[in-house]
Amino acid sequence: MPKITAETATGTVNFDCSEGRKLVLCLEDNGVDIMHRCGGNARCTTCRVEVLSGDIGSRTEAEEAILATKPDIAPNTRLSCQIRLNGDVHVKVINQASVTGIEPGTRPEE
């Protein structure tokens, strides 16, 4: 079972998550109020995370396309709605509802 370390606005959160599950859902289910305004469809980029360590595979085509429209996106920036966990990962959550004051959005599907 992958171990997740998430740097958030309120500190670091550590938890386990089922292999193959979307990172955005694991974060939300473990108390991280991550944004996901498009419902996990790789269209809004609000669920961005900075991958600090761990192998999460390559960006999906949809992810690559939307991130290409944003300025100054680092190579280790990913959309948590497009990451299927297959191992341990350490991420920094970029957008949280509690910080932005905006509702997180429709919960992404499994």
N, C-alpha and C. Protein backbone atom coordinates (compact mmCIF):
# COMPACT_ATOMS: atom_id res chain seq x y z
N MET A 1 0.85 -1.18 0.00
CA MET A 1 0.00 0.00 0.00
C MET A 1 0.89 1.24 0.00
N PRO A 2 0.73 2.13 -0.99
CA PRO A 2 1.56 3.33 -1.06
C PRO A 2 1.40 4.24 0.16
N LYS A 3 2.52 4.80 0.58
CA LYS A 3 2.54 5.77 1.67
C LYS A 3 2.62 7.16 1.05
N ILE A 4 1.75 8.06 1.50
CA ILE A 4 1.67 9.41 0.96
C ILE A 4 2.10 10.39 2.04
N THR A 5 2.97 11.32 1.67
CA THR A 5 3.33 12.44 2.52
C THR A 5 2.90 13.69 1.76
N ALA A 6 2.04 14.50 2.37
CA ALA A 6 1.52 15.70 1.71
C ALA A 6 1.83 16.93 2.54
N GLU A 7 2.55 17.86 1.92
CA GLU A 7 2.81 19.16 2.53
C GLU A 7 1.60 20.04 2.23
N THR A 8 0.94 20.54 3.28
CA THR A 8 -0.27 21.34 3.10
C THR A 8 -0.10 22.71 3.76
N ALA A 9 -1.12 23.54 3.64
CA ALA A 9 -1.09 24.88 4.24
C ALA A 9 -1.04 24.80 5.77
N THR A 10 -1.49 23.69 6.33
CA THR A 10 -1.53 23.56 7.79
C THR A 10 -0.50 22.58 8.34
N GLY A 11 0.38 22.09 7.49
CA GLY A 11 1.41 21.17 7.95
C GLY A 11 1.49 19.92 7.09
N THR A 12 2.24 18.96 7.55
CA THR A 12 2.47 17.73 6.81
C THR A 12 1.50 16.64 7.28
N VAL A 13 0.93 15.94 6.29
CA VAL A 13 0.00 14.85 6.56
C VAL A 13 0.60 13.58 5.97
N ASN A 14 0.56 12.49 6.73
CA ASN A 14 1.06 11.19 6.27
C ASN A 14 -0.07 10.17 6.35
N PHE A 15 -0.22 9.36 5.31
CA PHE A 15 -1.26 8.33 5.31
C PHE A 15 -0.95 7.30 4.24
N ASP A 16 -1.66 6.19 4.29
CA ASP A 16 -1.56 5.14 3.28
C ASP A 16 -2.76 5.26 2.35
N CYS A 17 -2.60 4.77 1.13
CA CYS A 17 -3.68 4.81 0.15
C CYS A 17 -3.59 3.57 -0.73
N SER A 18 -4.73 3.10 -1.17
CA SER A 18 -4.77 1.91 -2.01
C SER A 18 -4.05 2.12 -3.34
N GLU A 19 -3.32 1.12 -3.77
CA GLU A 19 -2.63 1.18 -5.05
C GLU A 19 -3.66 1.32 -6.17
N GLY A 20 -3.33 2.15 -7.17
CA GLY A 20 -4.20 2.35 -8.32
C GLY A 20 -5.24 3.44 -8.13
N ARG A 21 -5.36 3.97 -6.94
CA ARG A 21 -6.35 5.01 -6.66
C ARG A 21 -5.82 6.38 -7.08
N LYS A 22 -6.72 7.30 -7.43
CA LYS A 22 -6.33 8.66 -7.80
C LYS A 22 -5.82 9.40 -6.57
N LEU A 23 -4.71 10.10 -6.73
CA LEU A 23 -4.12 10.85 -5.62
C LEU A 23 -5.09 11.88 -5.06
N VAL A 24 -5.82 12.58 -5.92
CA VAL A 24 -6.75 13.61 -5.45
C VAL A 24 -7.75 13.04 -4.46
N LEU A 25 -8.26 11.82 -4.70
CA LEU A 25 -9.23 11.21 -3.80
C LEU A 25 -8.58 10.79 -2.49
N CYS A 26 -7.36 10.29 -2.57
CA CYS A 26 -6.63 9.91 -1.36
C CYS A 26 -6.40 11.12 -0.47
N LEU A 27 -6.00 12.23 -1.08
CA LEU A 27 -5.78 13.46 -0.32
C LEU A 27 -7.07 13.91 0.36
N GLU A 28 -8.14 13.99 -0.41
CA GLU A 28 -9.41 14.46 0.13
C GLU A 28 -9.93 13.54 1.24
N ASP A 29 -9.83 12.24 1.02
CA ASP A 29 -10.31 11.28 2.02
C ASP A 29 -9.49 11.27 3.29
N ASN A 30 -8.34 11.92 3.26
CA ASN A 30 -7.48 11.98 4.44
C ASN A 30 -7.35 13.40 4.99
N GLY A 31 -8.40 14.21 4.73
CA GLY A 31 -8.51 15.51 5.36
C GLY A 31 -7.86 16.68 4.66
N VAL A 32 -7.30 16.47 3.47
CA VAL A 32 -6.70 17.58 2.73
C VAL A 32 -7.77 18.18 1.82
N ASP A 33 -8.07 19.45 2.00
CA ASP A 33 -9.13 20.11 1.24
C ASP A 33 -8.59 20.63 -0.11
N ILE A 34 -8.12 19.71 -0.92
CA ILE A 34 -7.53 20.04 -2.21
C ILE A 34 -8.61 20.49 -3.19
N MET A 35 -8.27 21.47 -4.00
CA MET A 35 -9.19 21.96 -5.02
C MET A 35 -9.28 20.93 -6.16
N HIS A 36 -10.46 20.86 -6.80
CA HIS A 36 -10.67 20.00 -7.97
C HIS A 36 -11.90 20.52 -8.70
N ARG A 37 -11.81 21.75 -9.19
CA ARG A 37 -12.95 22.47 -9.74
C ARG A 37 -13.59 21.80 -10.96
N CYS A 38 -12.84 21.04 -11.74
CA CYS A 38 -13.42 20.41 -12.94
C CYS A 38 -13.88 18.99 -12.68
N GLY A 39 -13.84 18.55 -11.44
CA GLY A 39 -14.30 17.21 -11.11
C GLY A 39 -13.35 16.10 -11.52
N GLY A 40 -12.07 16.44 -11.68
CA GLY A 40 -11.06 15.42 -11.98
C GLY A 40 -10.92 15.09 -13.44
N ASN A 41 -11.22 16.05 -14.31
CA ASN A 41 -11.18 15.80 -15.76
C ASN A 41 -10.01 16.46 -16.48
N ALA A 42 -8.98 16.86 -15.76
CA ALA A 42 -7.77 17.47 -16.34
C ALA A 42 -8.08 18.70 -17.19
N ARG A 43 -8.99 19.55 -16.69
CA ARG A 43 -9.34 20.76 -17.44
C ARG A 43 -9.05 22.06 -16.71
N CYS A 44 -8.93 22.02 -15.38
CA CYS A 44 -8.83 23.30 -14.66
C CYS A 44 -7.48 23.55 -13.99
N THR A 45 -6.72 22.56 -13.70
CA THR A 45 -5.41 22.60 -13.04
C THR A 45 -5.46 23.00 -11.56
N THR A 46 -6.64 23.07 -10.95
CA THR A 46 -6.68 23.47 -9.54
C THR A 46 -6.17 22.39 -8.59
N CYS A 47 -6.09 21.15 -9.04
CA CYS A 47 -5.62 20.06 -8.17
C CYS A 47 -4.12 19.82 -8.32
N ARG A 48 -3.41 20.84 -8.79
CA ARG A 48 -1.96 20.70 -8.99
C ARG A 48 -1.24 20.35 -7.69
N VAL A 49 -0.23 19.52 -7.84
CA VAL A 49 0.69 19.21 -6.76
C VAL A 49 2.11 19.30 -7.31
N GLU A 50 3.02 19.57 -6.42
CA GLU A 50 4.45 19.53 -6.77
C GLU A 50 4.96 18.20 -6.22
N VAL A 51 5.47 17.35 -7.08
CA VAL A 51 5.98 16.05 -6.65
C VAL A 51 7.41 16.24 -6.14
N LEU A 52 7.60 16.01 -4.84
CA LEU A 52 8.90 16.19 -4.22
C LEU A 52 9.74 14.92 -4.30
N SER A 53 9.07 13.76 -4.24
CA SER A 53 9.77 12.49 -4.44
C SER A 53 8.74 11.40 -4.73
N GLY A 54 9.22 10.34 -5.35
CA GLY A 54 8.36 9.22 -5.70
C GLY A 54 8.20 9.10 -7.20
N ASP A 55 7.94 7.89 -7.65
CA ASP A 55 7.74 7.63 -9.07
C ASP A 55 6.25 7.54 -9.35
N ILE A 56 5.72 8.52 -10.06
CA ILE A 56 4.28 8.55 -10.35
C ILE A 56 4.00 8.40 -11.83
N GLY A 57 5.00 8.05 -12.60
CA GLY A 57 4.80 7.85 -14.03
C GLY A 57 4.79 9.17 -14.80
N SER A 58 4.48 9.05 -16.06
CA SER A 58 4.47 10.21 -16.96
C SER A 58 3.13 10.92 -16.94
N ARG A 59 3.14 12.16 -17.37
CA ARG A 59 1.90 12.92 -17.51
C ARG A 59 1.02 12.28 -18.58
N THR A 60 -0.29 12.34 -18.36
CA THR A 60 -1.23 11.88 -19.38
C THR A 60 -1.29 12.92 -20.50
N GLU A 61 -1.83 12.56 -21.65
CA GLU A 61 -1.96 13.52 -22.75
C GLU A 61 -2.81 14.71 -22.33
N ALA A 62 -3.93 14.44 -21.67
CA ALA A 62 -4.83 15.51 -21.22
C ALA A 62 -4.12 16.43 -20.23
N GLU A 63 -3.35 15.85 -19.34
CA GLU A 63 -2.60 16.62 -18.35
C GLU A 63 -1.54 17.48 -19.03
N GLU A 64 -0.81 16.90 -19.95
CA GLU A 64 0.22 17.64 -20.68
C GLU A 64 -0.39 18.82 -21.43
N ALA A 65 -1.53 18.58 -22.07
CA ALA A 65 -2.18 19.63 -22.86
C ALA A 65 -2.61 20.82 -22.01
N ILE A 66 -3.24 20.56 -20.86
CA ILE A 66 -3.72 21.68 -20.04
C ILE A 66 -2.57 22.37 -19.32
N LEU A 67 -1.58 21.64 -18.86
CA LEU A 67 -0.44 22.28 -18.19
C LEU A 67 0.37 23.13 -19.15
N ALA A 68 0.36 22.78 -20.42
CA ALA A 68 1.09 23.57 -21.42
C ALA A 68 0.48 24.96 -21.60
N THR A 69 -0.75 25.15 -21.16
CA THR A 69 -1.41 26.46 -21.30
C THR A 69 -1.09 27.39 -20.14
N LYS A 70 -0.42 26.89 -19.12
CA LYS A 70 -0.10 27.67 -17.92
C LYS A 70 1.36 28.09 -17.93
N PRO A 71 1.63 29.33 -17.55
CA PRO A 71 3.04 29.78 -17.51
C PRO A 71 3.77 29.22 -16.30
N ASP A 72 5.06 29.05 -16.45
CA ASP A 72 5.94 28.68 -15.34
C ASP A 72 5.56 27.39 -14.61
N ILE A 73 5.16 26.37 -15.35
CA ILE A 73 4.87 25.07 -14.75
C ILE A 73 6.16 24.26 -14.71
N ALA A 74 6.55 23.85 -13.51
CA ALA A 74 7.78 23.07 -13.34
C ALA A 74 7.57 21.65 -13.83
N PRO A 75 8.64 20.97 -14.24
CA PRO A 75 8.53 19.59 -14.71
C PRO A 75 7.94 18.63 -13.67
N ASN A 76 8.08 18.95 -12.39
CA ASN A 76 7.55 18.08 -11.34
C ASN A 76 6.15 18.49 -10.88
N THR A 77 5.50 19.39 -11.63
CA THR A 77 4.12 19.76 -11.34
C THR A 77 3.19 18.79 -12.04
N ARG A 78 2.24 18.26 -11.28
CA ARG A 78 1.30 17.28 -11.83
C ARG A 78 -0.11 17.60 -11.37
N LEU A 79 -1.09 17.03 -12.05
CA LEU A 79 -2.48 17.12 -11.63
C LEU A 79 -2.80 15.88 -10.81
N SER A 80 -3.20 16.08 -9.58
CA SER A 80 -3.45 14.93 -8.70
C SER A 80 -4.62 14.07 -9.18
N CYS A 81 -5.50 14.64 -10.01
CA CYS A 81 -6.61 13.85 -10.55
C CYS A 81 -6.16 12.89 -11.64
N GLN A 82 -4.94 13.06 -12.14
CA GLN A 82 -4.43 12.21 -13.21
C GLN A 82 -3.38 11.22 -12.72
N ILE A 83 -3.07 11.26 -11.43
CA ILE A 83 -2.06 10.36 -10.86
C ILE A 83 -2.75 9.15 -10.24
N ARG A 84 -2.41 7.98 -10.75
CA ARG A 84 -2.85 6.71 -10.15
C ARG A 84 -1.66 6.18 -9.35
N LEU A 85 -1.85 6.00 -8.08
CA LEU A 85 -0.75 5.63 -7.19
C LEU A 85 -0.27 4.21 -7.42
N ASN A 86 1.06 4.08 -7.49
CA ASN A 86 1.66 2.75 -7.60
C ASN A 86 2.86 2.60 -6.67
N GLY A 87 3.10 3.61 -5.85
CA GLY A 87 4.21 3.57 -4.91
C GLY A 87 4.16 4.79 -4.00
N ASP A 88 5.11 4.86 -3.09
CA ASP A 88 5.18 5.97 -2.15
C ASP A 88 5.43 7.28 -2.89
N VAL A 89 4.84 8.36 -2.36
CA VAL A 89 5.01 9.66 -2.97
C VAL A 89 4.97 10.76 -1.91
N HIS A 90 5.75 11.81 -2.15
CA HIS A 90 5.80 12.99 -1.28
C HIS A 90 5.44 14.17 -2.17
N VAL A 91 4.36 14.87 -1.82
CA VAL A 91 3.89 15.99 -2.65
C VAL A 91 3.65 17.24 -1.82
N LYS A 92 3.65 18.37 -2.50
CA LYS A 92 3.23 19.64 -1.91
C LYS A 92 1.93 20.02 -2.60
N VAL A 93 0.86 20.20 -1.83
CA VAL A 93 -0.44 20.58 -2.37
C VAL A 93 -0.42 22.08 -2.65
N ILE A 94 -0.76 22.46 -3.87
CA ILE A 94 -0.66 23.87 -4.28
C ILE A 94 -1.91 24.67 -3.98
N ASN A 95 -3.11 24.12 -4.22
CA ASN A 95 -4.36 24.86 -4.01
C ASN A 95 -5.28 24.13 -3.04
N GLN A 96 -5.66 24.83 -1.97
CA GLN A 96 -6.57 24.27 -0.99
C GLN A 96 -7.76 25.19 -0.81
N ALA A 97 -8.94 24.60 -0.63
CA ALA A 97 -10.17 25.37 -0.47
C ALA A 97 -10.08 26.32 0.73
N SER A 98 -9.49 25.87 1.81
CA SER A 98 -9.39 26.69 3.02
C SER A 98 -8.52 27.93 2.81
N VAL A 99 -7.61 27.88 1.87
CA VAL A 99 -6.73 29.01 1.60
C VAL A 99 -7.35 29.95 0.57
N THR A 100 -7.98 29.39 -0.45
CA THR A 100 -8.55 30.20 -1.52
C THR A 100 -9.91 30.78 -1.16
N GLY A 101 -10.63 30.14 -0.22
CA GLY A 101 -11.97 30.59 0.13
C GLY A 101 -13.02 30.18 -0.89
N ILE A 102 -12.66 29.27 -1.79
CA ILE A 102 -13.56 28.79 -2.84
C ILE A 102 -13.89 27.33 -2.54
N GLU A 103 -15.12 26.91 -2.87
CA GLU A 103 -15.49 25.51 -2.72
C GLU A 103 -14.53 24.66 -3.56
N PRO A 104 -14.17 23.46 -3.09
CA PRO A 104 -13.19 22.65 -3.81
C PRO A 104 -13.66 22.18 -5.19
N GLY A 105 -14.97 21.99 -5.37
CA GLY A 105 -15.48 21.52 -6.66
C GLY A 105 -16.10 20.14 -6.52
N THR A 106 -16.65 19.65 -7.62
CA THR A 106 -17.29 18.34 -7.67
C THR A 106 -16.26 17.25 -7.42
N ARG A 107 -16.59 16.32 -6.54
CA ARG A 107 -15.66 15.23 -6.22
C ARG A 107 -15.38 14.41 -7.47
N PRO A 108 -14.11 14.20 -7.77
CA PRO A 108 -13.76 13.35 -8.91
C PRO A 108 -14.25 11.91 -8.73
N GLU A 109 -14.50 11.24 -9.84
CA GLU A 109 -14.90 9.84 -9.78
C GLU A 109 -13.69 8.98 -9.48
N GLU A 110 -13.98 7.78 -8.94
CA GLU A 110 -12.92 6.82 -8.68
C GLU A 110 -12.28 6.47 -10.00
